[in-house]
């Protein structure tokens, strides 16, 4: 049984005043795990606000090294010290804006493991790749290259985010979501055995209250990585509720 996960990625958004809403989020007694990933300057405050609540806090990125001359970067251990339980690695915006390769992402995931954090490893295709004949092979190669050999169901979550759907309001068809998530599950199980069968796989890309319930019907969708709709409790709570009901 894989516990559902509703993860919110605030990206470069958020103010201290917005943190007050976090402790109002709830998934019920046995409901989904709830994770919010605010910008780094808000991590400690967010952890304080959510202390004792159902909400956990995560980072949006980490460096592969534990320390050193890396101006502007954050070590995974620093995120842990700030109160984080998880960190996103390999988001398409990091891959595009900072030229991160699968090898970079894998090294960051390994750093997260070493710090005691869960790594949320992001993979996904461009629109051109989606329209081409090799789309699933491209996603599978990303999955293989970005996921360390030491990945387990406890330290790893996979987030499938089609790049062309992020923040655009466009969403793949249910057939495409099902096909892609089934492929990811099959690859994880083939590589990691029982651990791969129990790794959670999230969908991300314009998830909102109006489409969440349908997306969560897919057998191998274990939750969502949500962007803009996670900034307000009034938008994110219905997504959590839809996940709890799935």
C-alpha atoms as a PDB file:
ATOM      1  CA  UNK A   1       0.000   0.000   0.000  1.00  0.00           C
ATOM      2  CA  UNK A   2       1.514   3.320  -1.078  1.00  0.00           C
ATOM      3  CA  UNK A   3       0.566   6.347   1.010  1.00  0.00           C
ATOM      4  CA  UNK A   4      -0.729   9.188  -1.141  1.00  0.00           C
ATOM      5  CA  UNK A   5       1.285  12.415  -1.249  1.00  0.00           C
ATOM      6  CA  UNK A   6       0.153  15.960  -2.002  1.00  0.00           C
ATOM      7  CA  UNK A   7       3.264  18.087  -2.507  1.00  0.00           C
ATOM      8  CA  UNK A   8       3.212  21.827  -3.158  1.00  0.00           C
ATOM      9  CA  UNK A   9       6.081  23.590  -4.916  1.00  0.00           C
ATOM     10  CA  UNK A  10       5.897  27.327  -4.254  1.00  0.00           C
ATOM     11  CA  UNK A  11       8.841  28.033  -6.582  1.00  0.00           C
ATOM     12  CA  UNK A  12      10.011  31.680  -6.261  1.00  0.00           C
ATOM     13  CA  UNK A  13       6.801  32.785  -4.573  1.00  0.00           C
ATOM     14  CA  UNK A  14       5.711  33.337  -1.008  1.00  0.00           C
ATOM     15  CA  UNK A  15       5.833  35.744   1.908  1.00  0.00           C
ATOM     16  CA  UNK A  16       5.927  35.183   5.674  1.00  0.00           C
ATOM     17  CA  UNK A  17       2.277  36.232   5.822  1.00  0.00           C
ATOM     18  CA  UNK A  18       1.298  33.342   3.536  1.00  0.00           C
ATOM     19  CA  UNK A  19       2.660  30.768   5.969  1.00  0.00           C
ATOM     20  CA  UNK A  20      -0.246  31.191   8.387  1.00  0.00           C
ATOM     21  CA  UNK A  21      -2.511  29.149   6.105  1.00  0.00           C
ATOM     22  CA  UNK A  22      -0.258  26.090   6.129  1.00  0.00           C
ATOM     23  CA  UNK A  23      -1.380  24.710   9.480  1.00  0.00           C
ATOM     24  CA  UNK A  24      -4.999  24.728   8.268  1.00  0.00           C
ATOM     25  CA  UNK A  25      -4.265  22.076   5.640  1.00  0.00           C
ATOM     26  CA  UNK A  26      -5.409  18.601   6.603  1.00  0.00           C
ATOM     27  CA  UNK A  27      -5.668  15.214   5.012  1.00  0.00           C
ATOM     28  CA  UNK A  28      -7.617  13.554   7.789  1.00  0.00           C
ATOM     29  CA  UNK A  29      -6.343  11.099  10.367  1.00  0.00           C
ATOM     30  CA  UNK A  30      -5.245   8.488   7.831  1.00  0.00           C
ATOM     31  CA  UNK A  31      -5.192  10.775   4.811  1.00  0.00           C
ATOM     32  CA  UNK A  32      -2.485  11.755   2.354  1.00  0.00           C
ATOM     33  CA  UNK A  33       0.908  13.015   3.383  1.00  0.00           C
ATOM     34  CA  UNK A  34       1.067  16.784   2.851  1.00  0.00           C
ATOM     35  CA  UNK A  35       4.317  18.517   1.905  1.00  0.00           C
ATOM     36  CA  UNK A  36       4.941  22.183   1.132  1.00  0.00           C
ATOM     37  CA  UNK A  37       8.207  23.323  -0.467  1.00  0.00           C
ATOM     38  CA  UNK A  38       8.579  27.089   0.034  1.00  0.00           C
ATOM     39  CA  UNK A  39      11.563  29.237  -0.995  1.00  0.00           C
ATOM     40  CA  UNK A  40      14.649  28.637   1.157  1.00  0.00           C
ATOM     41  CA  UNK A  41      14.378  31.874   3.219  1.00  0.00           C
ATOM     42  CA  UNK A  42      10.954  30.721   4.462  1.00  0.00           C
ATOM     43  CA  UNK A  43      11.917  27.156   5.392  1.00  0.00           C
ATOM     44  CA  UNK A  44      12.584  27.641   9.089  1.00  0.00           C
ATOM     45  CA  UNK A  45       9.517  29.842   9.579  1.00  0.00           C
ATOM     46  CA  UNK A  46       7.378  27.339   7.693  1.00  0.00           C
ATOM     47  CA  UNK A  47       8.678  24.493   9.851  1.00  0.00           C
ATOM     48  CA  UNK A  48       7.823  26.497  12.991  1.00  0.00           C
ATOM     49  CA  UNK A  49       4.314  27.318  11.765  1.00  0.00           C
ATOM     50  CA  UNK A  50       3.539  23.692  10.872  1.00  0.00           C
ATOM     51  CA  UNK A  51       5.079  22.104  13.966  1.00  0.00           C
ATOM     52  CA  UNK A  52       2.560  19.625  15.355  1.00  0.00           C
ATOM     53  CA  UNK A  53       0.330  19.831  12.272  1.00  0.00           C
ATOM     54  CA  UNK A  54      -0.196  17.384   9.391  1.00  0.00           C
ATOM     55  CA  UNK A  55       2.006  19.455   7.087  1.00  0.00           C
ATOM     56  CA  UNK A  56       5.668  18.684   6.384  1.00  0.00           C
ATOM     57  CA  UNK A  57       8.171  21.077   4.823  1.00  0.00           C
ATOM     58  CA  UNK A  58      10.571  20.432   1.958  1.00  0.00           C
ATOM     59  CA  UNK A  59      13.249  22.217  -0.059  1.00  0.00           C
ATOM     60  CA  UNK A  60      13.124  23.037  -3.757  1.00  0.00           C
ATOM     61  CA  UNK A  61      16.695  22.037  -4.570  1.00  0.00           C
ATOM     62  CA  UNK A  62      20.007  21.089  -2.965  1.00  0.00           C
ATOM     63  CA  UNK A  63      23.664  20.929  -3.969  1.00  0.00           C
ATOM     64  CA  UNK A  64      25.350  17.582  -4.517  1.00  0.00           C
ATOM     65  CA  UNK A  65      28.193  18.526  -2.155  1.00  0.00           C
ATOM     66  CA  UNK A  66      27.946  18.781   1.606  1.00  0.00           C
ATOM     67  CA  UNK A  67      29.795  22.134   1.774  1.00  0.00           C
ATOM     68  CA  UNK A  68      32.230  24.292  -0.138  1.00  0.00           C
ATOM     69  CA  UNK A  69      32.656  27.327  -2.387  1.00  0.00           C
ATOM     70  CA  UNK A  70      29.196  27.220  -3.977  1.00  0.00           C
ATOM     71  CA  UNK A  71      27.772  30.710  -3.613  1.00  0.00           C
ATOM     72  CA  UNK A  72      23.988  30.774  -3.513  1.00  0.00           C
ATOM     73  CA  UNK A  73      23.624  26.998  -3.181  1.00  0.00           C
ATOM     74  CA  UNK A  74      22.230  25.021  -0.248  1.00  0.00           C
ATOM     75  CA  UNK A  75      23.456  21.680   1.088  1.00  0.00           C
ATOM     76  CA  UNK A  76      20.911  18.971   1.812  1.00  0.00           C
ATOM     77  CA  UNK A  77      22.053  18.893   5.440  1.00  0.00           C
ATOM     78  CA  UNK A  78      21.198  22.601   5.723  1.00  0.00           C
ATOM     79  CA  UNK A  79      17.663  21.889   4.534  1.00  0.00           C
ATOM     80  CA  UNK A  80      17.401  19.130   7.122  1.00  0.00           C
ATOM     81  CA  UNK A  81      18.599  21.484   9.853  1.00  0.00           C
ATOM     82  CA  UNK A  82      15.998  24.056   8.758  1.00  0.00           C
ATOM     83  CA  UNK A  83      13.213  21.539   9.318  1.00  0.00           C
ATOM     84  CA  UNK A  84      12.804  19.945   5.883  1.00  0.00           C
ATOM     85  CA  UNK A  85      11.929  16.275   5.451  1.00  0.00           C
ATOM     86  CA  UNK A  86      12.254  16.169   1.661  1.00  0.00           C
ATOM     87  CA  UNK A  87      13.731  18.025  -1.305  1.00  0.00           C
ATOM     88  CA  UNK A  88      12.766  18.363  -4.953  1.00  0.00           C
ATOM     89  CA  UNK A  89      15.586  17.552  -7.389  1.00  0.00           C
ATOM     90  CA  UNK A  90      15.673  17.700 -11.161  1.00  0.00           C
ATOM     91  CA  UNK A  91      12.657  19.929 -11.700  1.00  0.00           C
ATOM     92  CA  UNK A  92      12.404  20.851 -15.392  1.00  0.00           C
ATOM     93  CA  UNK A  93      12.941  24.519 -14.534  1.00  0.00           C
ATOM     94  CA  UNK A  94      16.253  23.613 -12.886  1.00  0.00           C
ATOM     95  CA  UNK A  95      17.189  21.393 -15.827  1.00  0.00           C
ATOM     96  CA  UNK A  96      16.397  24.182 -18.312  1.00  0.00           C
ATOM     97  CA  UNK A  97      17.600  27.266 -16.410  1.00  0.00           C
ATOM     98  CA  UNK A  98      20.735  25.704 -14.900  1.00  0.00           C
ATOM     99  CA  UNK A  99      21.591  23.029 -17.494  1.00  0.00           C
ATOM    100  CA  UNK A 100      21.197  20.222 -14.961  1.00  0.00           C
ATOM    101  CA  UNK A 101      21.721  16.771 -16.448  1.00  0.00           C
ATOM    102  CA  UNK A 102      20.457  13.410 -15.243  1.00  0.00           C
ATOM    103  CA  UNK A 103      23.880  12.880 -13.649  1.00  0.00           C
ATOM    104  CA  UNK A 104      23.533  16.136 -11.696  1.00  0.00           C
ATOM    105  CA  UNK A 105      20.079  15.114 -10.520  1.00  0.00           C
ATOM    106  CA  UNK A 106      21.282  11.679  -9.454  1.00  0.00           C
ATOM    107  CA  UNK A 107      24.115  13.226  -7.417  1.00  0.00           C
ATOM    108  CA  UNK A 108      21.664  15.604  -5.716  1.00  0.00           C
ATOM    109  CA  UNK A 109      19.348  12.713  -4.859  1.00  0.00           C
ATOM    110  CA  UNK A 110      22.290  10.862  -3.309  1.00  0.00           C
ATOM    111  CA  UNK A 111      23.112  13.974  -1.263  1.00  0.00           C
ATOM    112  CA  UNK A 112      19.497  14.085  -0.077  1.00  0.00           C
ATOM    113  CA  UNK A 113      19.684  10.458   1.041  1.00  0.00           C
ATOM    114  CA  UNK A 114      22.898  11.112   2.955  1.00  0.00           C
ATOM    115  CA  UNK A 115      21.225  13.987   4.806  1.00  0.00           C
ATOM    116  CA  UNK A 116      18.192  11.897   5.718  1.00  0.00           C
ATOM    117  CA  UNK A 117      15.838  13.594   3.258  1.00  0.00           C
ATOM    118  CA  UNK A 118      13.393  12.084   0.801  1.00  0.00           C
ATOM    119  CA  UNK A 119      14.327  12.984  -2.773  1.00  0.00           C
ATOM    120  CA  UNK A 120      11.453  13.915  -5.080  1.00  0.00           C
ATOM    121  CA  UNK A 121      13.033  13.203  -8.459  1.00  0.00           C
ATOM    122  CA  UNK A 122      11.375  15.031 -11.364  1.00  0.00           C
ATOM    123  CA  UNK A 123      11.254  13.741 -14.924  1.00  0.00           C
ATOM    124  CA  UNK A 124       9.236  14.791 -17.955  1.00  0.00           C
ATOM    125  CA  UNK A 125       9.207  15.463 -21.670  1.00  0.00           C
ATOM    126  CA  UNK A 126       8.981  18.568 -23.850  1.00  0.00           C
ATOM    127  CA  UNK A 127       6.044  19.078 -26.190  1.00  0.00           C
ATOM    128  CA  UNK A 128       8.208  18.155 -29.175  1.00  0.00           C
ATOM    129  CA  UNK A 129       9.200  14.925 -27.458  1.00  0.00           C
ATOM    130  CA  UNK A 130       5.577  14.168 -26.538  1.00  0.00           C
ATOM    131  CA  UNK A 131       4.595  14.432 -30.197  1.00  0.00           C
ATOM    132  CA  UNK A 132       7.468  12.218 -31.328  1.00  0.00           C
ATOM    133  CA  UNK A 133       7.612   8.414 -31.527  1.00  0.00           C
ATOM    134  CA  UNK A 134      10.147   7.973 -28.704  1.00  0.00           C
ATOM    135  CA  UNK A 135       8.405   9.837 -25.889  1.00  0.00           C
ATOM    136  CA  UNK A 136       8.203   6.959 -23.409  1.00  0.00           C
ATOM    137  CA  UNK A 137      11.782   5.920 -24.144  1.00  0.00           C
ATOM    138  CA  UNK A 138      12.973   9.466 -23.401  1.00  0.00           C
ATOM    139  CA  UNK A 139      11.112   9.531 -20.081  1.00  0.00           C
ATOM    140  CA  UNK A 140      12.419   6.064 -19.198  1.00  0.00           C
ATOM    141  CA  UNK A 141      15.994   7.179 -19.906  1.00  0.00           C
ATOM    142  CA  UNK A 142      15.520  10.211 -17.628  1.00  0.00           C
ATOM    143  CA  UNK A 143      14.141   7.967 -14.924  1.00  0.00           C
ATOM    144  CA  UNK A 144      17.050   5.560 -15.151  1.00  0.00           C
ATOM    145  CA  UNK A 145      19.714   8.271 -15.336  1.00  0.00           C
ATOM    146  CA  UNK A 146      18.313  10.421 -12.527  1.00  0.00           C
ATOM    147  CA  UNK A 147      17.516   7.705  -9.974  1.00  0.00           C
ATOM    148  CA  UNK A 148      20.385   6.375  -7.831  1.00  0.00           C
ATOM    149  CA  UNK A 149      20.935   2.649  -7.374  1.00  0.00           C
ATOM    150  CA  UNK A 150      20.371   3.191  -3.648  1.00  0.00           C
ATOM    151  CA  UNK A 151      16.819   4.449  -4.127  1.00  0.00           C
ATOM    152  CA  UNK A 152      14.165   2.856  -1.917  1.00  0.00           C
ATOM    153  CA  UNK A 153      10.468   3.338  -1.339  1.00  0.00           C
ATOM    154  CA  UNK A 154      11.330   5.274   1.823  1.00  0.00           C
ATOM    155  CA  UNK A 155      13.857   7.731   0.396  1.00  0.00           C
ATOM    156  CA  UNK A 156      12.526   8.311  -3.130  1.00  0.00           C
ATOM    157  CA  UNK A 157       9.446   9.741  -4.803  1.00  0.00           C
ATOM    158  CA  UNK A 158       9.229  10.099  -8.589  1.00  0.00           C
ATOM    159  CA  UNK A 159       7.353  13.094 -10.008  1.00  0.00           C
ATOM    160  CA  UNK A 160       6.309  12.899 -13.655  1.00  0.00           C
ATOM    161  CA  UNK A 161       5.808  16.425 -14.965  1.00  0.00           C
ATOM    162  CA  UNK A 162       5.334  16.937 -18.711  1.00  0.00           C
ATOM    163  CA  UNK A 163       7.195  20.201 -19.303  1.00  0.00           C
ATOM    164  CA  UNK A 164       4.593  21.509 -21.727  1.00  0.00           C
ATOM    165  CA  UNK A 165       1.860  21.183 -19.075  1.00  0.00           C
ATOM    166  CA  UNK A 166       3.610  23.039 -16.243  1.00  0.00           C
ATOM    167  CA  UNK A 167       1.839  26.319 -15.566  1.00  0.00           C
ATOM    168  CA  UNK A 168       0.111  26.313 -18.944  1.00  0.00           C
ATOM    169  CA  UNK A 169      -3.301  25.011 -17.967  1.00  0.00           C
ATOM    170  CA  UNK A 170      -2.831  22.179 -20.454  1.00  0.00           C
ATOM    171  CA  UNK A 171      -2.981  18.600 -19.194  1.00  0.00           C
ATOM    172  CA  UNK A 172      -2.216  15.303 -20.967  1.00  0.00           C
ATOM    173  CA  UNK A 173      -5.131  13.046 -21.741  1.00  0.00           C
ATOM    174  CA  UNK A 174      -5.957  10.451 -19.115  1.00  0.00           C
ATOM    175  CA  UNK A 175      -4.744   7.800 -21.550  1.00  0.00           C
ATOM    176  CA  UNK A 176      -1.339   9.526 -21.739  1.00  0.00           C
ATOM    177  CA  UNK A 177      -1.115   9.909 -17.954  1.00  0.00           C
ATOM    178  CA  UNK A 178      -2.037   6.266 -17.391  1.00  0.00           C
ATOM    179  CA  UNK A 179       0.361   4.999 -20.062  1.00  0.00           C
ATOM    180  CA  UNK A 180       3.269   7.053 -18.723  1.00  0.00           C
ATOM    181  CA  UNK A 181       2.708   6.217 -15.060  1.00  0.00           C
ATOM    182  CA  UNK A 182       2.279   2.526 -15.874  1.00  0.00           C
ATOM    183  CA  UNK A 183       5.589   2.613 -17.763  1.00  0.00           C
ATOM    184  CA  UNK A 184       7.332   4.315 -14.842  1.00  0.00           C
ATOM    185  CA  UNK A 185       5.938   1.734 -12.414  1.00  0.00           C
ATOM    186  CA  UNK A 186       7.028  -1.133 -14.657  1.00  0.00           C
ATOM    187  CA  UNK A 187      10.544   0.270 -14.970  1.00  0.00           C
ATOM    188  CA  UNK A 188      10.893   0.894 -11.249  1.00  0.00           C
ATOM    189  CA  UNK A 189       9.687  -2.618 -10.437  1.00  0.00           C
ATOM    190  CA  UNK A 190      12.001  -4.183 -13.000  1.00  0.00           C
ATOM    191  CA  UNK A 191      14.993  -2.321 -11.586  1.00  0.00           C
ATOM    192  CA  UNK A 192      14.270  -2.280  -7.850  1.00  0.00           C
ATOM    193  CA  UNK A 193      11.881  -5.185  -7.349  1.00  0.00           C
ATOM    194  CA  UNK A 194       9.492  -4.854  -4.424  1.00  0.00           C
ATOM    195  CA  UNK A 195      10.953  -1.450  -3.510  1.00  0.00           C
ATOM    196  CA  UNK A 196      10.130  -0.193  -6.998  1.00  0.00           C
ATOM    197  CA  UNK A 197       6.594  -1.475  -6.692  1.00  0.00           C
ATOM    198  CA  UNK A 198       6.186   0.617  -3.541  1.00  0.00           C
ATOM    199  CA  UNK A 199       7.873   3.846  -4.672  1.00  0.00           C
ATOM    200  CA  UNK A 200       5.355   6.636  -5.020  1.00  0.00           C
ATOM    201  CA  UNK A 201       4.886   8.259  -8.432  1.00  0.00           C
ATOM    202  CA  UNK A 202       3.298  11.703  -8.548  1.00  0.00           C
ATOM    203  CA  UNK A 203       1.763  13.564 -11.456  1.00  0.00           C
ATOM    204  CA  UNK A 204       2.534  17.268 -11.903  1.00  0.00           C
ATOM    205  CA  UNK A 205       1.527  19.814 -14.509  1.00  0.00           C
ATOM    206  CA  UNK A 206      -1.452  22.175 -14.145  1.00  0.00           C
ATOM    207  CA  UNK A 207      -3.099  20.122 -11.395  1.00  0.00           C
ATOM    208  CA  UNK A 208      -6.028  22.065  -9.937  1.00  0.00           C
ATOM    209  CA  UNK A 209      -9.234  21.400  -7.999  1.00  0.00           C
ATOM    210  CA  UNK A 210     -11.238  20.966 -11.203  1.00  0.00           C
ATOM    211  CA  UNK A 211      -9.138  18.122 -12.659  1.00  0.00           C
ATOM    212  CA  UNK A 212      -7.529  16.492  -9.614  1.00  0.00           C
ATOM    213  CA  UNK A 213     -10.195  13.855  -8.971  1.00  0.00           C
ATOM    214  CA  UNK A 214     -10.001  12.514 -12.518  1.00  0.00           C
ATOM    215  CA  UNK A 215      -6.198  12.386 -12.514  1.00  0.00           C
ATOM    216  CA  UNK A 216      -6.120  10.541  -9.189  1.00  0.00           C
ATOM    217  CA  UNK A 217      -8.279   7.749 -10.618  1.00  0.00           C
ATOM    218  CA  UNK A 218      -5.233   6.334 -12.410  1.00  0.00           C
ATOM    219  CA  UNK A 219      -3.901   3.291 -10.558  1.00  0.00           C
ATOM    220  CA  UNK A 220      -0.258   4.351 -10.597  1.00  0.00           C
ATOM    221  CA  UNK A 221      -0.792   8.021  -9.761  1.00  0.00           C
ATOM    222  CA  UNK A 222       0.033   8.224  -6.056  1.00  0.00           C
ATOM    223  CA  UNK A 223      -0.493  11.951  -5.686  1.00  0.00           C
ATOM    224  CA  UNK A 224       0.559  15.238  -7.193  1.00  0.00           C
ATOM    225  CA  UNK A 225       3.344  17.805  -7.292  1.00  0.00           C
ATOM    226  CA  UNK A 226       1.403  21.051  -7.478  1.00  0.00           C
ATOM    227  CA  UNK A 227       2.689  24.497  -8.393  1.00  0.00           C
ATOM    228  CA  UNK A 228       0.476  27.574  -8.414  1.00  0.00           C
ATOM    229  CA  UNK A 229      -2.537  25.840  -6.885  1.00  0.00           C
ATOM    230  CA  UNK A 230      -0.534  25.129  -3.716  1.00  0.00           C
ATOM    231  CA  UNK A 231      -0.021  28.807  -2.853  1.00  0.00           C
ATOM    232  CA  UNK A 232      -3.448  29.193  -1.256  1.00  0.00           C
ATOM    233  CA  UNK A 233      -5.078  26.761   1.148  1.00  0.00           C
ATOM    234  CA  UNK A 234      -8.428  27.371  -0.562  1.00  0.00           C
ATOM    235  CA  UNK A 235      -6.974  25.959  -3.810  1.00  0.00           C
ATOM    236  CA  UNK A 236      -4.741  23.239  -2.363  1.00  0.00           C
ATOM    237  CA  UNK A 237      -7.166  21.734   0.162  1.00  0.00           C
ATOM    238  CA  UNK A 238      -9.629  20.548  -2.516  1.00  0.00           C
ATOM    239  CA  UNK A 239      -6.743  18.764  -4.257  1.00  0.00           C
ATOM    240  CA  UNK A 240      -5.801  17.074  -0.990  1.00  0.00           C
ATOM    241  CA  UNK A 241      -9.454  16.126  -0.470  1.00  0.00           C
ATOM    242  CA  UNK A 242      -9.661  14.624  -3.966  1.00  0.00           C
ATOM    243  CA  UNK A 243      -6.529  12.604  -3.260  1.00  0.00           C
ATOM    244  CA  UNK A 244      -7.935  11.379   0.056  1.00  0.00           C
ATOM    245  CA  UNK A 245     -11.083  10.221  -1.736  1.00  0.00           C
ATOM    246  CA  UNK A 246      -9.227   8.381  -4.506  1.00  0.00           C
END
